[in-house]
Amino acid sequence: MRAGWTTSRAALAALALAASAAAGIAAEDVVRPVAVVDSKAVYGRIESRFVVPARSRIGGTLVDLSVTEGSLVAAGQPIARVVDEKLALQLNAADARIRAVTSQLDNAKVEF
């Protein structure tokens, strides 16, 4: 019985070898030039040589941004608008103070 198994195994191995050889003959390899892209993925950050910090002279809320990151801007070009609600109140108070002092001046001129 053992000899039968050995013979069967040998026959099976021969059959597998013959099938792989036949498959190799049937397929034909074609050699042709292929363009190979030589590239490497890397991570980095690109920055301008001339970086100028942009900041507001006053504190407040940014209400308008006229440019996007990377945009080319000219010297003096407005790039954003910052609004401070307290400034309008302070301006109104200063105007009221000017009117009051002007009124006092007019009264002083009339009295003297």
C-alpha atoms as a PDB file:
ATOM      1  CA  MET A   1       0.000   0.000   0.000  1.00  0.00           C
ATOM      2  CA  ARG A   2       2.840   2.311   0.804  1.00  0.00           C
ATOM      3  CA  ALA A   3       4.391   1.707  -2.601  1.00  0.00           C
ATOM      4  CA  GLY A   4       1.078   2.719  -4.209  1.00  0.00           C
ATOM      5  CA  TRP A   5       1.087   6.057  -2.404  1.00  0.00           C
ATOM      6  CA  THR A   6       4.659   6.742  -3.385  1.00  0.00           C
ATOM      7  CA  THR A   7       3.887   5.953  -7.013  1.00  0.00           C
ATOM      8  CA  SER A   8       0.808   8.189  -6.912  1.00  0.00           C
ATOM      9  CA  ARG A   9       2.824  11.019  -5.407  1.00  0.00           C
ATOM     10  CA  ALA A  10       5.514  10.663  -8.049  1.00  0.00           C
ATOM     11  CA  ALA A  11       2.919  10.628 -10.817  1.00  0.00           C
ATOM     12  CA  LEU A  12       1.221  13.699  -9.352  1.00  0.00           C
ATOM     13  CA  ALA A  13       4.549  15.562  -9.110  1.00  0.00           C
ATOM     14  CA  ALA A  14       5.381  14.651 -12.721  1.00  0.00           C
ATOM     15  CA  LEU A  15       1.970  15.837 -13.854  1.00  0.00           C
ATOM     16  CA  ALA A  16       2.397  19.176 -12.016  1.00  0.00           C
ATOM     17  CA  LEU A  17       5.866  19.632 -13.525  1.00  0.00           C
ATOM     18  CA  ALA A  18       4.568  18.925 -17.015  1.00  0.00           C
ATOM     19  CA  ALA A  19       1.661  21.357 -16.563  1.00  0.00           C
ATOM     20  CA  SER A  20       3.955  24.161 -15.389  1.00  0.00           C
ATOM     21  CA  ALA A  21       6.316  23.548 -18.313  1.00  0.00           C
ATOM     22  CA  ALA A  22       3.407  23.616 -20.764  1.00  0.00           C
ATOM     23  CA  ALA A  23       2.155  26.875 -19.252  1.00  0.00           C
ATOM     24  CA  GLY A  24       5.614  28.395 -19.672  1.00  0.00           C
ATOM     25  CA  ILE A  25       5.695  27.485 -23.330  1.00  0.00           C
ATOM     26  CA  ALA A  26       2.224  28.832 -24.034  1.00  0.00           C
ATOM     27  CA  ALA A  27       2.931  32.302 -22.590  1.00  0.00           C
ATOM     28  CA  GLU A  28       5.383  34.439 -24.509  1.00  0.00           C
ATOM     29  CA  ASP A  29       7.221  37.267 -22.774  1.00  0.00           C
ATOM     30  CA  VAL A  30       7.561  40.442 -24.812  1.00  0.00           C
ATOM     31  CA  VAL A  31      10.371  42.818 -23.930  1.00  0.00           C
ATOM     32  CA  ARG A  32       9.718  46.490 -24.688  1.00  0.00           C
ATOM     33  CA  PRO A  33      10.952  49.802 -23.281  1.00  0.00           C
ATOM     34  CA  VAL A  34       8.841  51.314 -20.517  1.00  0.00           C
ATOM     35  CA  ALA A  35       9.174  54.816 -19.056  1.00  0.00           C
ATOM     36  CA  VAL A  36       9.930  54.626 -15.349  1.00  0.00           C
ATOM     37  CA  VAL A  37       9.139  57.688 -13.271  1.00  0.00           C
ATOM     38  CA  ASP A  38      11.890  58.263 -10.751  1.00  0.00           C
ATOM     39  CA  SER A  39      10.210  60.076  -7.869  1.00  0.00           C
ATOM     40  CA  LYS A  40      10.190  60.034  -4.119  1.00  0.00           C
ATOM     41  CA  ALA A  41       7.401  61.293  -1.888  1.00  0.00           C
ATOM     42  CA  VAL A  42       8.638  63.712   0.739  1.00  0.00           C
ATOM     43  CA  TYR A  43       7.001  66.050   3.204  1.00  0.00           C
ATOM     44  CA  GLY A  44       8.055  69.658   3.537  1.00  0.00           C
ATOM     45  CA  ARG A  45       7.045  73.269   3.830  1.00  0.00           C
ATOM     46  CA  ILE A  46       7.708  75.972   1.268  1.00  0.00           C
ATOM     47  CA  GLU A  47       8.209  79.499   2.543  1.00  0.00           C
ATOM     48  CA  SER A  48       9.043  82.751   0.821  1.00  0.00           C
ATOM     49  CA  ARG A  49      12.481  84.232   1.360  1.00  0.00           C
ATOM     50  CA  PHE A  50      10.817  87.541   2.066  1.00  0.00           C
ATOM     51  CA  VAL A  51       8.276  86.942   4.804  1.00  0.00           C
ATOM     52  CA  VAL A  52       6.707  90.081   6.206  1.00  0.00           C
ATOM     53  CA  PRO A  53       4.547  89.821   9.303  1.00  0.00           C
ATOM     54  CA  ALA A  54       1.148  91.436   8.871  1.00  0.00           C
ATOM     55  CA  ARG A  55      -0.570  92.814  11.931  1.00  0.00           C
ATOM     56  CA  SER A  56      -3.218  95.330  12.784  1.00  0.00           C
ATOM     57  CA  ARG A  57      -2.422  98.542  14.616  1.00  0.00           C
ATOM     58  CA  ILE A  58      -5.581  98.088  16.673  1.00  0.00           C
ATOM     59  CA  GLY A  59      -7.294  95.156  18.296  1.00  0.00           C
ATOM     60  CA  GLY A  60     -10.687  94.113  17.026  1.00  0.00           C
ATOM     61  CA  THR A  61     -12.558  91.747  14.772  1.00  0.00           C
ATOM     62  CA  LEU A  62     -11.400  90.818  11.277  1.00  0.00           C
ATOM     63  CA  VAL A  63     -14.376  91.674   9.063  1.00  0.00           C
ATOM     64  CA  ASP A  64     -12.824  91.522   5.583  1.00  0.00           C
ATOM     65  CA  LEU A  65      -9.910  89.512   4.189  1.00  0.00           C
ATOM     66  CA  SER A  66      -9.100  90.578   0.618  1.00  0.00           C
ATOM     67  CA  VAL A  67      -6.356  88.049  -0.187  1.00  0.00           C
ATOM     68  CA  THR A  68      -5.730  84.345   0.214  1.00  0.00           C
ATOM     69  CA  GLU A  69      -2.612  82.611   1.438  1.00  0.00           C
ATOM     70  CA  GLY A  70       0.055  82.707  -1.244  1.00  0.00           C
ATOM     71  CA  SER A  71      -1.415  85.708  -3.096  1.00  0.00           C
ATOM     72  CA  LEU A  72       0.973  88.279  -4.516  1.00  0.00           C
ATOM     73  CA  VAL A  73       0.374  91.696  -2.945  1.00  0.00           C
ATOM     74  CA  ALA A  74       1.811  95.121  -3.674  1.00  0.00           C
ATOM     75  CA  ALA A  75       3.304  97.449  -1.094  1.00  0.00           C
ATOM     76  CA  GLY A  76       0.575  99.464   0.592  1.00  0.00           C
ATOM     77  CA  GLN A  77      -2.246  97.261  -0.708  1.00  0.00           C
ATOM     78  CA  PRO A  78      -4.983  96.720   1.910  1.00  0.00           C
ATOM     79  CA  ILE A  79      -5.217  93.018   2.661  1.00  0.00           C
ATOM     80  CA  ALA A  80      -7.718  93.003   5.514  1.00  0.00           C
ATOM     81  CA  ARG A  81     -10.069  95.208   7.516  1.00  0.00           C
ATOM     82  CA  VAL A  82     -10.231  95.097  11.294  1.00  0.00           C
ATOM     83  CA  VAL A  83     -13.103  96.763  13.145  1.00  0.00           C
ATOM     84  CA  ASP A  84     -13.221  97.603  16.840  1.00  0.00           C
ATOM     85  CA  GLU A  85     -16.744  98.480  17.962  1.00  0.00           C
ATOM     86  CA  LYS A  86     -15.352 100.413  20.932  1.00  0.00           C
ATOM     87  CA  LEU A  87     -13.620 102.878  18.610  1.00  0.00           C
ATOM     88  CA  ALA A  88     -16.933 104.216  17.283  1.00  0.00           C
ATOM     89  CA  LEU A  89     -18.093 104.830  20.853  1.00  0.00           C
ATOM     90  CA  GLN A  90     -14.816 106.540  21.725  1.00  0.00           C
ATOM     91  CA  LEU A  91     -15.071 108.713  18.600  1.00  0.00           C
ATOM     92  CA  ASN A  92     -18.628 109.756  19.485  1.00  0.00           C
ATOM     93  CA  ALA A  93     -17.503 110.597  23.024  1.00  0.00           C
ATOM     94  CA  ALA A  94     -14.589 112.668  21.689  1.00  0.00           C
ATOM     95  CA  ASP A  95     -16.928 114.536  19.305  1.00  0.00           C
ATOM     96  CA  ALA A  96     -19.304 115.270  22.179  1.00  0.00           C
ATOM     97  CA  ARG A  97     -16.405 116.550  24.287  1.00  0.00           C
ATOM     98  CA  ILE A  98     -15.270 118.825  21.411  1.00  0.00           C
ATOM     99  CA  ARG A  99     -18.806 120.223  21.072  1.00  0.00           C
ATOM    100  CA  ALA A 100     -18.968 120.835  24.831  1.00  0.00           C
ATOM    101  CA  VAL A 101     -15.603 122.627  24.927  1.00  0.00           C
ATOM    102  CA  THR A 102     -16.539 124.683  21.847  1.00  0.00           C
ATOM    103  CA  SER A 103     -19.770 125.696  23.561  1.00  0.00           C
ATOM    104  CA  GLN A 104     -17.834 126.707  26.684  1.00  0.00           C
ATOM    105  CA  LEU A 105     -15.474 128.771  24.523  1.00  0.00           C
ATOM    106  CA  ASP A 106     -18.408 130.544  22.855  1.00  0.00           C
ATOM    107  CA  ASN A 107     -19.911 131.300  26.280  1.00  0.00           C
ATOM    108  CA  ALA A 108     -16.588 132.642  27.527  1.00  0.00           C
ATOM    109  CA  LYS A 109     -16.294 134.944  24.489  1.00  0.00           C
ATOM    110  CA  VAL A 110     -19.805 136.302  25.081  1.00  0.00           C
ATOM    111  CA  GLU A 111     -19.244 136.897  28.806  1.00  0.00           C
ATOM    112  CA  PHE A 112     -15.927 138.736  28.474  1.00  0.00           C
END
